[in-house]
N, C-alpha and C. Protein backbone atom coordinates (compact mmCIF):
# COMPACT_ATOMS: atom_id res chain seq x y z
N UNK A 1 10.17 -7.91 4.98
CA UNK A 1 9.20 -7.09 4.61
C UNK A 1 9.84 -5.70 3.16
N UNK A 2 10.18 -4.98 4.11
CA UNK A 2 10.85 -3.99 2.75
C UNK A 2 11.60 -4.48 1.39
N UNK A 3 11.81 -5.65 1.74
CA UNK A 3 12.98 -6.17 0.39
C UNK A 3 11.51 -6.53 -0.47
N UNK A 4 10.67 -7.77 0.09
CA UNK A 4 9.48 -7.92 -0.58
C UNK A 4 8.59 -6.41 -1.16
N UNK A 5 8.41 -5.81 -0.79
CA UNK A 5 7.53 -4.22 -0.87
C UNK A 5 8.06 -3.58 -1.97
N UNK A 6 9.55 -3.79 -2.38
CA UNK A 6 9.96 -2.70 -3.46
C UNK A 6 9.19 -3.58 -4.80
N UNK A 7 9.34 -4.40 -4.55
CA UNK A 7 9.11 -4.92 -6.11
C UNK A 7 7.24 -4.55 -6.26
N UNK A 8 6.58 -4.76 -5.19
CA UNK A 8 5.29 -4.59 -4.99
C UNK A 8 4.96 -3.24 -5.54
N UNK A 9 6.06 -1.98 -5.18
CA UNK A 9 5.78 -0.78 -5.30
C UNK A 9 6.16 -0.39 -6.89
N UNK A 10 6.87 -1.15 -7.39
CA UNK A 10 7.13 -0.69 -8.67
C UNK A 10 5.97 -1.14 -9.80
N UNK A 11 5.37 -2.20 -9.44
CA UNK A 11 4.46 -2.06 -10.49
C UNK A 11 2.83 -1.19 -9.41
N UNK A 12 2.83 -0.79 -8.31
CA UNK A 12 1.52 -0.33 -7.34
C UNK A 12 1.30 1.17 -8.15
N UNK A 13 0.21 1.55 -8.50
CA UNK A 13 -0.18 2.72 -8.69
C UNK A 13 -1.87 2.61 -9.42
N UNK A 14 -3.03 2.64 -8.63
CA UNK A 14 -3.79 2.22 -8.28
C UNK A 14 -4.81 3.57 -7.67
N UNK A 15 -5.10 4.07 -9.55
CA UNK A 15 -5.34 5.86 -9.39
C UNK A 15 -6.69 5.85 -8.95
N UNK A 16 -7.40 7.25 -9.64
CA UNK A 16 -8.58 7.72 -9.26
C UNK A 16 -9.41 7.21 -9.48
N UNK A 17 -10.58 6.98 -9.23
CA UNK A 17 -11.34 6.63 -9.48
C UNK A 17 -12.45 7.14 -10.38
N UNK A 18 -12.81 5.57 -11.31
CA UNK A 18 -13.56 6.17 -12.69
C UNK A 18 -15.10 6.36 -12.62
N UNK A 19 -15.16 7.09 -14.05
CA UNK A 19 -16.68 7.31 -13.49
C UNK A 19 -17.81 6.41 -13.44
N UNK A 20 -17.72 5.25 -13.95
CA UNK A 20 -18.14 4.22 -13.22
C UNK A 20 -17.39 2.92 -12.51
N UNK A 21 -17.32 2.52 -11.24
CA UNK A 21 -16.77 1.22 -10.65
C UNK A 21 -16.13 0.15 -11.94
N UNK A 22 -14.98 0.17 -11.36
CA UNK A 22 -13.85 -1.17 -12.51
C UNK A 22 -14.27 -2.35 -12.00
N UNK A 23 -14.32 -3.26 -12.66
CA UNK A 23 -13.95 -4.85 -11.80
C UNK A 23 -12.75 -4.29 -10.83
N UNK A 24 -12.61 -5.21 -9.80
CA UNK A 24 -10.75 -4.99 -8.89
C UNK A 24 -9.93 -5.24 -10.03
N UNK A 25 -9.92 -6.42 -10.51
CA UNK A 25 -8.14 -7.06 -11.48
C UNK A 25 -8.30 -5.67 -12.65
N UNK A 26 -9.39 -5.03 -13.33
CA UNK A 26 -8.92 -4.39 -14.27
C UNK A 26 -8.55 -2.86 -13.41
N UNK A 27 -9.33 -2.49 -12.40
CA UNK A 27 -8.32 -1.45 -11.62
C UNK A 27 -7.21 -1.34 -11.34
N UNK A 28 -6.53 -2.99 -10.87
CA UNK A 28 -5.22 -2.68 -10.24
C UNK A 28 -4.54 -2.77 -11.99
N UNK A 29 -4.91 -3.39 -13.06
CA UNK A 29 -4.26 -3.35 -14.21
C UNK A 29 -4.00 -2.06 -14.84
N UNK A 30 -5.14 -1.51 -14.93
CA UNK A 30 -5.45 -0.11 -15.77
C UNK A 30 -4.40 0.51 -15.28
N UNK A 31 -4.60 1.14 -14.16
CA UNK A 31 -3.68 2.05 -13.29
C UNK A 31 -1.99 1.81 -12.94
N UNK A 32 -1.85 0.10 -12.61
CA UNK A 32 -0.57 0.11 -12.72
C UNK A 32 0.17 0.55 -14.20
N UNK A 33 -0.17 0.24 -14.94
CA UNK A 33 0.66 1.23 -16.16
C UNK A 33 0.90 2.64 -16.35
N UNK A 34 -1.07 3.09 -15.44
CA UNK A 34 -1.15 4.74 -15.58
C UNK A 34 0.27 5.30 -15.36
N UNK A 35 0.85 4.38 -13.69
CA UNK A 35 1.28 4.63 -12.82
C UNK A 35 3.00 4.73 -13.37
N UNK A 36 3.57 3.70 -14.02
CA UNK A 36 4.55 3.60 -14.97
C UNK A 36 4.72 4.66 -16.31
N UNK A 37 3.78 4.75 -16.35
CA UNK A 37 4.14 5.65 -17.96
C UNK A 37 4.19 7.35 -17.38
N UNK A 38 3.46 7.42 -15.64
CA UNK A 38 4.01 8.73 -15.36
C UNK A 38 5.74 8.73 -14.92
N UNK A 39 5.94 7.66 -14.18
CA UNK A 39 6.77 7.81 -13.79
C UNK A 39 8.22 7.89 -15.09
N UNK A 40 8.20 7.10 -16.14
CA UNK A 40 8.72 7.19 -17.01
C UNK A 40 8.84 8.57 -17.92
N UNK A 41 7.90 9.12 -18.15
CA UNK A 41 7.53 10.45 -18.64
C UNK A 41 8.20 11.58 -17.70
N UNK A 42 8.57 11.69 -16.22
CA UNK A 42 8.83 12.56 -15.54
C UNK A 42 9.75 11.91 -14.03
N UNK A 43 10.48 10.97 -14.87
CA UNK A 43 11.64 10.50 -13.80
C UNK A 43 12.78 11.21 -13.68
N UNK A 44 13.28 12.30 -14.13
CA UNK A 44 14.46 13.58 -14.21
C UNK A 44 13.91 14.00 -12.97
N UNK A 45 12.49 14.81 -13.48
CA UNK A 45 11.78 15.61 -12.41
C UNK A 45 11.34 15.01 -11.24
N UNK A 46 10.97 13.76 -11.07
CA UNK A 46 10.87 13.19 -9.60
C UNK A 46 12.05 13.07 -8.53
N UNK A 47 12.91 12.85 -9.72
CA UNK A 47 14.28 12.67 -8.35
C UNK A 47 14.70 13.95 -8.37
N UNK A 48 14.95 15.03 -9.01
CA UNK A 48 15.09 16.26 -8.56
C UNK A 48 14.25 16.83 -7.47
N UNK A 49 12.96 16.58 -7.64
CA UNK A 49 12.18 17.05 -6.87
C UNK A 49 10.99 15.84 -5.80
N UNK A 50 11.62 15.28 -4.77
CA UNK A 50 11.15 14.21 -4.42
C UNK A 50 10.34 14.54 -3.67
N UNK A 51 9.68 16.09 -3.06
CA UNK A 51 8.10 16.16 -2.83
C UNK A 51 6.88 16.19 -3.41
N UNK A 52 7.74 16.85 -4.76
CA UNK A 52 6.60 16.20 -6.02
C UNK A 52 6.58 15.02 -6.26
N UNK A 53 7.30 14.28 -6.03
CA UNK A 53 6.99 12.77 -6.46
C UNK A 53 6.03 12.02 -5.57
N UNK A 54 6.28 12.28 -3.97
CA UNK A 54 5.41 11.66 -3.27
C UNK A 54 4.18 12.34 -3.09
N UNK A 55 3.95 13.36 -3.68
CA UNK A 55 2.65 14.02 -3.61
C UNK A 55 1.97 13.15 -4.96
N UNK A 56 2.46 13.19 -5.89
CA UNK A 56 2.12 12.45 -7.21
C UNK A 56 1.92 10.76 -6.68
N UNK A 57 3.02 10.38 -5.86
CA UNK A 57 2.50 8.86 -5.26
C UNK A 57 1.13 8.99 -4.13
N UNK A 58 0.90 9.90 -4.20
CA UNK A 58 -0.16 10.17 -3.12
C UNK A 58 -1.55 10.33 -3.53
N UNK A 59 -1.31 11.18 -4.41
CA UNK A 59 -2.44 11.32 -5.24
C UNK A 59 -3.12 10.27 -6.29
N UNK A 60 -1.98 9.60 -6.65
CA UNK A 60 -2.59 8.41 -7.57
C UNK A 60 -2.46 6.93 -6.68
N UNK A 61 -2.10 7.17 -5.65
CA UNK A 61 -2.08 5.80 -5.02
C UNK A 61 -3.26 5.15 -3.79
N UNK A 62 -3.37 6.97 -3.20
CA UNK A 62 -4.20 6.49 -2.10
C UNK A 62 -5.68 6.47 -2.31
N UNK A 63 -6.50 7.11 -3.68
CA UNK A 63 -7.80 6.62 -3.98
C UNK A 63 -7.93 4.99 -3.58
N UNK A 64 -7.30 4.39 -3.97
CA UNK A 64 -7.64 3.22 -3.99
C UNK A 64 -7.43 2.32 -2.84
N UNK A 65 -6.66 2.88 -1.90
CA UNK A 65 -6.33 2.46 -1.01
C UNK A 65 -7.80 2.79 0.33
N UNK A 66 -8.42 1.68 0.66
CA UNK A 66 -9.39 2.01 2.10
C UNK A 66 -8.37 2.53 3.21
N UNK A 67 -7.64 3.51 3.48
CA UNK A 67 -6.75 3.84 4.17
C UNK A 67 -7.08 3.74 5.68
N UNK A 68 -8.69 4.34 5.99
CA UNK A 68 -9.04 4.05 7.38
C UNK A 68 -9.44 2.99 7.74
N UNK A 69 -9.58 1.93 6.92
CA UNK A 69 -10.34 0.52 7.14
C UNK A 69 -8.86 -0.19 7.59
N UNK A 70 -8.08 0.26 6.40
CA UNK A 70 -6.90 -0.25 6.75
C UNK A 70 -6.10 -0.13 8.68
N UNK A 71 -6.37 1.12 8.17
CA UNK A 71 -5.90 1.51 10.26
C UNK A 71 -6.24 0.92 11.12
N UNK A 72 -7.86 0.61 10.95
CA UNK A 72 -8.47 -0.30 11.80
C UNK A 72 -8.07 -1.55 11.81
N UNK A 73 -7.59 -2.19 10.84
CA UNK A 73 -7.45 -3.57 10.52
C UNK A 73 -5.80 -3.41 11.67
N UNK A 74 -4.88 -2.56 11.02
CA UNK A 74 -3.53 -2.53 11.81
C UNK A 74 -3.71 -2.21 12.84
N UNK A 75 -4.38 -1.06 13.60
CA UNK A 75 -4.59 -1.17 15.08
C UNK A 75 -5.36 -2.34 16.31
N UNK A 76 -5.99 -3.22 15.67
CA UNK A 76 -6.86 -4.48 16.01
C UNK A 76 -7.53 -4.06 16.69
N UNK A 77 -7.87 -4.18 18.02
CA UNK A 77 -8.39 -3.94 19.20
C UNK A 77 -8.26 -2.31 19.75
N UNK A 78 -6.78 -2.20 19.93
CA UNK A 78 -6.58 -0.32 19.94
C UNK A 78 -7.55 0.16 19.58
N UNK A 79 -7.94 0.04 18.16
CA UNK A 79 -8.62 0.79 17.78
C UNK A 79 -10.35 1.30 18.23
N UNK A 80 -10.51 0.31 19.09
CA UNK A 80 -11.64 0.27 19.65
C UNK A 80 -11.61 1.69 21.03
N UNK A 81 -10.40 1.38 21.24
CA UNK A 81 -10.51 2.28 22.50
C UNK A 81 -9.23 3.35 22.12
N UNK A 82 -9.37 3.61 20.63
CA UNK A 82 -8.60 5.02 20.67
C UNK A 82 -9.78 6.68 20.22
N UNK A 83 -9.28 7.51 20.23
CA UNK A 83 -10.13 8.47 20.40
C UNK A 83 -10.20 9.06 19.01
N UNK A 84 -11.25 9.70 18.11
CA UNK A 84 -11.33 9.97 17.01
C UNK A 84 -10.26 10.84 16.04
N UNK A 85 -9.68 11.67 16.97
CA UNK A 85 -8.40 11.98 16.63
C UNK A 85 -7.31 10.97 16.43
N UNK A 86 -7.13 10.73 17.59
CA UNK A 86 -5.88 9.46 17.30
C UNK A 86 -5.92 8.65 15.98
N UNK A 87 -7.31 8.18 15.94
CA UNK A 87 -7.65 7.68 14.66
C UNK A 87 -7.25 7.92 13.43
N UNK A 88 -7.76 9.23 13.33
CA UNK A 88 -7.37 9.99 12.08
C UNK A 88 -5.99 10.17 11.84
N UNK A 89 -5.18 10.59 13.14
CA UNK A 89 -3.36 10.89 12.88
C UNK A 89 -2.15 9.72 12.63
N UNK A 90 -3.20 8.40 13.13
CA UNK A 90 -2.84 7.01 13.07
C UNK A 90 -3.22 6.86 11.68
N UNK A 91 -4.01 6.98 10.53
CA UNK A 91 -4.29 6.82 9.54
C UNK A 91 -3.41 7.56 8.52
N UNK A 92 -3.18 8.94 9.09
CA UNK A 92 -2.79 9.56 7.32
C UNK A 92 -1.12 9.80 7.95
N UNK A 93 -0.48 9.37 9.45
CA UNK A 93 0.71 9.25 9.50
C UNK A 93 1.05 8.27 8.83
N UNK A 94 0.44 6.62 9.22
CA UNK A 94 0.77 5.51 8.62
C UNK A 94 0.75 5.50 6.91
N UNK A 95 -0.46 5.82 6.56
CA UNK A 95 0.07 6.14 4.85
C UNK A 95 0.95 6.99 4.34
N UNK A 96 1.29 8.18 5.13
CA UNK A 96 2.43 9.16 4.57
C UNK A 96 3.61 8.35 4.88
N UNK A 97 4.14 8.13 6.29
CA UNK A 97 5.27 7.50 6.26
C UNK A 97 5.54 6.32 5.64
N UNK A 98 4.52 5.15 5.02
CA UNK A 98 4.57 4.43 4.14
C UNK A 98 5.10 5.20 2.40
N UNK A 99 4.54 5.87 2.17
CA UNK A 99 4.79 6.97 1.26
C UNK A 99 6.21 6.98 1.04
N UNK A 100 6.48 8.00 2.37
CA UNK A 100 7.92 8.73 2.27
C UNK A 100 8.95 7.05 2.74
N UNK A 101 8.83 5.95 3.06
CA UNK A 101 9.28 5.08 3.01
C UNK A 101 10.05 4.39 1.74
N UNK A 102 9.25 4.03 1.10
CA UNK A 102 8.92 3.11 0.03
C UNK A 102 9.32 3.98 -1.79
N UNK A 103 8.78 5.15 -1.47
CA UNK A 103 8.58 5.80 -2.65
C UNK A 103 9.98 6.04 -3.61
N UNK A 104 11.33 5.82 -2.91
CA UNK A 104 12.38 6.40 -3.47
C UNK A 104 12.64 4.97 -3.91
N UNK A 105 12.88 3.81 -3.37
CA UNK A 105 13.03 2.76 -4.35
C UNK A 105 11.72 2.68 -5.71
N UNK A 106 10.66 3.01 -5.28
CA UNK A 106 9.86 2.75 -6.79
C UNK A 106 10.73 3.64 -7.92
N UNK A 107 11.09 4.74 -7.56
CA UNK A 107 12.22 5.50 -8.68
C UNK A 107 13.15 4.75 -9.28
N UNK A 108 13.81 4.52 -7.87
CA UNK A 108 15.36 3.54 -8.44
C UNK A 108 14.69 2.38 -9.36
N UNK A 109 13.67 2.26 -9.15
CA UNK A 109 13.40 0.21 -9.76
C UNK A 109 12.41 0.42 -10.79
N UNK A 110 12.05 1.35 -10.82
CA UNK A 110 10.54 1.63 -11.93
C UNK A 110 10.49 0.41 -13.08
N UNK A 111 12.00 0.11 -13.57
CA UNK A 111 11.59 -0.49 -14.83
C UNK A 111 12.17 -2.00 -14.66
N UNK A 112 12.18 -2.57 -13.66
CA UNK A 112 12.76 -3.65 -13.27
C UNK A 112 11.84 -4.76 -12.99
N UNK A 113 10.44 -4.48 -13.06
CA UNK A 113 9.82 -5.37 -12.85
C UNK A 113 8.22 -5.77 -13.74
N UNK A 114 8.17 -6.94 -13.95
CA UNK A 114 6.86 -6.60 -15.12
C UNK A 114 5.48 -7.40 -14.11
N UNK A 115 4.66 -7.12 -14.24
CA UNK A 115 3.40 -8.12 -13.34
C UNK A 115 2.76 -9.20 -14.65
N UNK A 116 2.68 -10.34 -13.77
CA UNK A 116 1.56 -11.14 -14.82
C UNK A 116 0.58 -11.46 -13.80
N UNK A 117 -0.59 -11.10 -14.28
CA UNK A 117 -1.82 -11.22 -13.62
C UNK A 117 -2.60 -12.08 -14.27
N UNK A 118 -3.09 -12.92 -12.46
CA UNK A 118 -3.75 -14.24 -13.16
C UNK A 118 -5.04 -14.12 -13.06
N UNK A 119 -5.77 -14.42 -13.68
CA UNK A 119 -7.42 -14.54 -13.85
C UNK A 119 -7.89 -14.57 -12.96
N UNK A 120 -9.07 -13.87 -12.50
CA UNK A 120 -10.27 -13.64 -11.21
C UNK A 120 -11.27 -13.79 -11.85
N UNK A 121 -11.76 -14.86 -10.94
CA UNK A 121 -13.49 -15.14 -11.38
C UNK A 121 -14.20 -14.57 -10.27
N UNK A 122 -15.00 -13.82 -10.03
CA UNK A 122 -15.94 -12.94 -9.36
C UNK A 122 -17.38 -13.16 -9.37
N UNK A 123 -18.28 -13.56 -8.40
CA UNK A 123 -19.63 -13.75 -8.95
C UNK A 123 -20.21 -12.37 -8.79
N UNK A 124 -21.33 -12.32 -9.34
CA UNK A 124 -21.65 -10.97 -9.59
C UNK A 124 -22.15 -9.69 -8.59
N UNK A 125 -22.63 -10.68 -7.34
CA UNK A 125 -22.84 -9.85 -5.93
C UNK A 125 -22.07 -9.77 -4.81
N UNK A 126 -20.42 -10.14 -5.13
CA UNK A 126 -19.62 -10.61 -4.39
C UNK A 126 -19.11 -8.41 -4.35
N UNK A 127 -18.43 -8.67 -3.15
CA UNK A 127 -18.04 -7.57 -2.22
C UNK A 127 -16.81 -7.42 -1.78
N UNK A 128 -16.04 -8.70 -1.97
CA UNK A 128 -14.63 -8.98 -1.53
C UNK A 128 -13.92 -9.55 -2.48
N UNK A 129 -12.97 -9.48 -2.97
CA UNK A 129 -11.83 -10.24 -4.35
C UNK A 129 -10.47 -9.81 -3.53
N UNK A 130 -10.13 -11.44 -4.23
CA UNK A 130 -8.42 -11.19 -4.10
C UNK A 130 -7.93 -11.22 -5.77
N UNK A 131 -6.87 -10.09 -6.22
CA UNK A 131 -6.41 -9.89 -7.44
C UNK A 131 -4.78 -10.53 -7.02
N UNK A 132 -4.86 -11.25 -7.94
CA UNK A 132 -3.35 -12.20 -7.56
C UNK A 132 -1.94 -11.70 -9.16
N UNK A 133 -1.17 -11.72 -8.35
CA UNK A 133 0.10 -11.84 -9.90
C UNK A 133 1.19 -12.22 -9.62
N UNK A 134 1.94 -12.30 -9.98
CA UNK A 134 3.01 -13.06 -10.11
C UNK A 134 4.11 -11.68 -10.71
N UNK A 135 5.43 -11.16 -9.30
CA UNK A 135 6.05 -9.94 -10.13
C UNK A 135 7.08 -10.61 -10.84
N UNK A 136 7.25 -10.33 -12.17
CA UNK A 136 8.72 -10.89 -12.95
C UNK A 136 9.63 -10.19 -12.56
N UNK A 137 10.95 -10.69 -12.02
CA UNK A 137 11.97 -9.93 -12.12
C UNK A 137 12.89 -9.89 -12.67
N UNK A 138 14.03 -9.12 -12.85
CA UNK A 138 15.16 -9.19 -13.44
C UNK A 138 16.42 -10.10 -12.94
N UNK A 139 16.92 -11.10 -13.18
CA UNK A 139 17.51 -11.76 -12.60
C UNK A 139 17.75 -12.54 -11.30
N UNK A 140 16.19 -12.60 -10.60
CA UNK A 140 15.44 -12.89 -9.16
C UNK A 140 14.37 -13.66 -9.48
N UNK A 141 14.13 -14.67 -8.70
CA UNK A 141 12.76 -15.23 -8.90
C UNK A 141 11.43 -14.52 -8.77
N UNK A 142 10.34 -15.14 -9.44
CA UNK A 142 9.10 -14.18 -9.52
C UNK A 142 8.86 -14.43 -7.86
N UNK A 143 7.84 -13.18 -7.39
CA UNK A 143 7.38 -13.08 -5.77
C UNK A 143 5.49 -13.13 -6.22
N UNK A 144 5.37 -13.72 -5.76
CA UNK A 144 3.91 -13.85 -5.65
C UNK A 144 2.97 -12.77 -4.94
N UNK A 145 2.16 -12.07 -5.29
CA UNK A 145 1.53 -10.89 -5.14
C UNK A 145 0.12 -10.86 -4.51
N UNK A 146 -0.96 -10.67 -3.49
CA UNK A 146 -2.16 -10.51 -4.09
C UNK A 146 -2.72 -9.57 -3.26
N UNK A 147 -3.64 -8.74 -3.76
CA UNK A 147 -4.30 -7.76 -3.27
C UNK A 147 -5.66 -7.84 -2.72
N UNK A 148 -6.00 -7.72 -1.54
CA UNK A 148 -7.19 -8.09 -0.87
C UNK A 148 -8.08 -6.93 -1.07
N UNK A 149 -8.89 -7.06 -1.98
CA UNK A 149 -10.06 -5.95 -2.02
C UNK A 149 -11.52 -5.70 -1.30
N UNK A 150 -12.57 -4.61 -1.05
CA UNK A 150 -13.59 -4.76 -1.35
C UNK A 150 -14.35 -3.77 -1.60
N UNK A 151 -15.44 -3.41 -1.71
CA UNK A 151 -16.01 -2.61 -1.88
C UNK A 151 -16.42 -1.82 -1.22
N UNK A 152 -15.97 -0.34 -1.09
CA UNK A 152 -16.03 0.68 -0.23
C UNK A 152 -17.75 1.60 0.00
N UNK A 153 -17.95 2.21 0.90
CA UNK A 153 -19.05 2.68 1.04
C UNK A 153 -19.50 3.71 -0.47
N UNK A 154 -18.46 3.90 -1.09
CA UNK A 154 -18.69 4.67 -2.04
C UNK A 154 -18.81 4.21 -3.74
N UNK A 155 -18.52 2.45 -3.28
CA UNK A 155 -18.89 1.70 -4.08
C UNK A 155 -17.80 1.37 -5.04
N UNK A 156 -17.08 1.71 -4.84
CA UNK A 156 -15.88 1.52 -6.13
C UNK A 156 -14.90 0.20 -4.88
N UNK A 157 -14.21 -0.21 -5.62
CA UNK A 157 -13.13 -1.42 -5.49
C UNK A 157 -11.71 -0.70 -4.47
N UNK A 158 -11.53 -1.34 -3.23
CA UNK A 158 -10.41 -0.33 -2.55
C UNK A 158 -9.43 -1.32 -2.11
N UNK A 159 -8.70 -1.55 -2.15
CA UNK A 159 -7.37 -2.18 -1.49
C UNK A 159 -7.31 -2.16 -0.07
N UNK A 160 -7.20 -3.11 1.02
CA UNK A 160 -7.43 -3.45 2.51
C UNK A 160 -6.18 -4.17 3.36
N UNK A 161 -5.27 -5.07 2.17
CA UNK A 161 -4.21 -5.34 2.88
C UNK A 161 -3.60 -5.76 1.45
N UNK A 162 -2.43 -6.01 1.50
CA UNK A 162 -1.75 -6.68 0.32
C UNK A 162 -0.83 -7.76 1.14
N UNK A 163 -0.95 -9.04 0.30
CA UNK A 163 0.02 -10.20 1.19
C UNK A 163 1.32 -10.23 -0.38
N UNK A 164 2.34 -10.47 0.45
CA UNK A 164 3.45 -10.78 -0.62
C UNK A 164 4.42 -12.13 -0.09
N UNK A 165 4.11 -12.81 -0.81
CA UNK A 165 4.81 -14.46 -0.51
C UNK A 165 4.27 -14.91 0.96
N UNK A 166 2.66 -14.69 1.06
CA UNK A 166 1.90 -15.06 2.09
C UNK A 166 2.17 -14.31 2.86
N UNK A 167 2.74 -13.03 2.90
CA UNK A 167 3.08 -12.24 4.09
C UNK A 167 1.91 -11.08 4.38
N UNK A 168 1.40 -11.09 5.28
CA UNK A 168 0.46 -10.00 5.28
C UNK A 168 0.59 -8.84 5.55
N UNK A 169 0.86 -7.52 5.13
CA UNK A 169 1.01 -6.55 5.42
C UNK A 169 0.21 -5.77 6.35
N UNK A 170 -0.84 -6.14 6.63
CA UNK A 170 -1.86 -5.93 7.67
C UNK A 170 -1.39 -6.42 9.17
N UNK A 171 -1.56 -7.94 8.67
CA UNK A 171 -0.87 -8.66 9.98
C UNK A 171 0.19 -8.65 10.49
N UNK A 172 1.51 -7.99 9.67
CA UNK A 172 3.03 -7.77 10.35
C UNK A 172 2.79 -6.38 11.16
N UNK A 173 2.15 -5.43 10.24
CA UNK A 173 2.24 -3.98 11.34
C UNK A 173 1.19 -4.14 12.47
N UNK A 174 0.64 -4.97 12.12
CA UNK A 174 -0.54 -5.50 13.85
C UNK A 174 0.10 -5.91 14.63
N UNK A 175 1.50 -6.77 14.54
CA UNK A 175 1.92 -7.54 15.38
C UNK A 175 2.39 -6.58 15.78
N UNK A 176 3.59 -5.82 15.24
CA UNK A 176 4.70 -5.04 16.05
C UNK A 176 4.04 -4.02 16.48
N UNK A 177 2.93 -3.22 15.73
CA UNK A 177 2.63 -1.79 16.45
C UNK A 177 2.25 -2.59 17.51
N UNK A 178 1.17 -3.68 17.90
CA UNK A 178 0.74 -3.71 19.54
C UNK A 178 1.67 -3.44 20.34
N UNK A 179 2.74 -4.54 19.95
CA UNK A 179 4.11 -4.63 20.93
C UNK A 179 4.21 -3.18 21.52
N UNK A 180 4.59 -2.64 20.30
CA UNK A 180 5.29 -0.68 21.00
C UNK A 180 3.85 -0.03 21.69
N UNK A 181 2.58 -0.12 21.25
CA UNK A 181 1.78 0.60 21.97
C UNK A 181 1.51 -0.39 23.66
N UNK A 182 1.96 -1.17 23.60
CA UNK A 182 2.14 -1.54 25.06
C UNK A 182 3.32 -1.35 25.77
N UNK A 183 4.44 -0.95 25.29
CA UNK A 183 5.18 0.10 25.79
C UNK A 183 4.82 1.50 26.07
N UNK A 184 4.52 2.17 24.89
CA UNK A 184 4.68 3.79 24.72
C UNK A 184 3.12 3.85 24.81
N UNK A 185 2.27 3.43 24.76
CA UNK A 185 1.16 3.81 24.50
C UNK A 185 0.41 4.22 22.72
N UNK A 186 -0.61 4.63 22.40
CA UNK A 186 -1.05 4.80 20.82
C UNK A 186 -0.24 6.40 20.41
N UNK A 187 -0.11 7.23 21.65
CA UNK A 187 0.35 8.53 21.50
C UNK A 187 1.67 8.41 20.77
N UNK A 188 2.26 7.34 21.55
CA UNK A 188 3.84 7.20 21.40
C UNK A 188 3.67 6.33 19.81
N UNK A 189 3.16 5.79 20.26
CA UNK A 189 3.63 4.96 18.46
C UNK A 189 3.07 6.05 17.39
N UNK A 190 2.08 6.69 17.20
CA UNK A 190 1.86 7.79 16.48
C UNK A 190 3.00 8.99 16.56
N UNK A 191 3.65 9.19 17.37
CA UNK A 191 4.53 10.38 17.09
C UNK A 191 5.79 9.71 16.10
N UNK A 192 6.26 8.06 16.74
CA UNK A 192 7.16 7.47 15.71
C UNK A 192 6.56 7.18 14.81
N UNK A 193 5.81 6.85 14.50
CA UNK A 193 5.30 6.97 12.51
C UNK A 193 5.55 8.33 12.22
N UNK A 194 5.07 9.34 12.81
CA UNK A 194 5.44 10.50 12.18
C UNK A 194 6.58 11.05 11.40
N UNK A 195 7.21 10.52 12.53
CA UNK A 195 8.75 10.87 12.42
C UNK A 195 9.47 9.76 11.36
N UNK A 196 8.95 8.64 11.19
CA UNK A 196 9.17 7.70 10.02
C UNK A 196 10.33 6.84 10.82
N UNK A 197 10.49 6.67 12.05
CA UNK A 197 11.36 5.50 12.70
C UNK A 197 10.40 4.43 12.48
N UNK A 198 8.87 3.96 13.13
CA UNK A 198 8.55 3.56 13.52
C UNK A 198 8.32 2.43 12.24
N UNK A 199 8.06 3.04 10.79
CA UNK A 199 7.68 2.27 9.94
C UNK A 199 8.89 1.63 9.53
N UNK A 200 9.88 2.08 9.42
CA UNK A 200 11.42 1.89 8.83
C UNK A 200 11.65 1.01 9.77
N UNK A 201 11.71 0.87 11.03
CA UNK A 201 11.94 -0.57 11.83
C UNK A 201 11.11 -1.52 11.51
N UNK A 202 9.66 -1.29 11.80
CA UNK A 202 8.99 -2.64 11.15
C UNK A 202 9.57 -3.20 9.95
N UNK A 203 9.62 -2.69 9.24
CA UNK A 203 10.04 -2.89 7.71
C UNK A 203 11.20 -3.79 7.88
N UNK A 204 12.23 -3.27 9.00
CA UNK A 204 14.11 -4.05 8.84
C UNK A 204 13.69 -5.29 9.59
N UNK A 205 12.70 -5.73 10.50
CA UNK A 205 12.05 -6.10 10.96
C UNK A 205 11.95 -7.71 10.57
N UNK A 206 10.95 -7.34 9.11
CA UNK A 206 10.90 -8.13 7.92
C UNK A 206 11.30 -8.50 7.27
N UNK A 207 12.46 -7.96 6.81
CA UNK A 207 13.27 -8.37 6.08
C UNK A 207 13.97 -9.25 5.60
């Protein structure tokens, strides 16, 4: 999973909400360019100050992801029995740990991938969409990528899953985290996510 997520992060930068909701494919395309431009303009500064870069990735990336819904999907049946505090801690720690784990790869490889976007046919009343692309890599085969998106409560299109070469990010983490919850409980999992260890192990097992 980690090897596949690296090229994903090189084009990912789903920025802050617009005045009017953008179509899902336009949101991805336009803000991808925004993220790449930011890194090119500030690469040395970000390398020198990783905390600043993590904050920038969080600010630019998070508004386009339905973080709470992703957390609900990843926890599956364990979401229903979790307290509100556990749900919030899990969602925040999961998001923050992913950013810490993969942002360094984004800095190192920001100019190594180009996205070739596939046409999107979307009915006018659609509330769910899949935006597809091929990631063209230097000296490596292309990677098939898809963003599963839905209209959130604020009317914006937001990502709730990422599928890389038919491997779902949500399904991958749900399977591995479910096994850990059975062993150590939800609080134990959350503590390991907050430390960064759980995300690293899950990514290593899928690479």
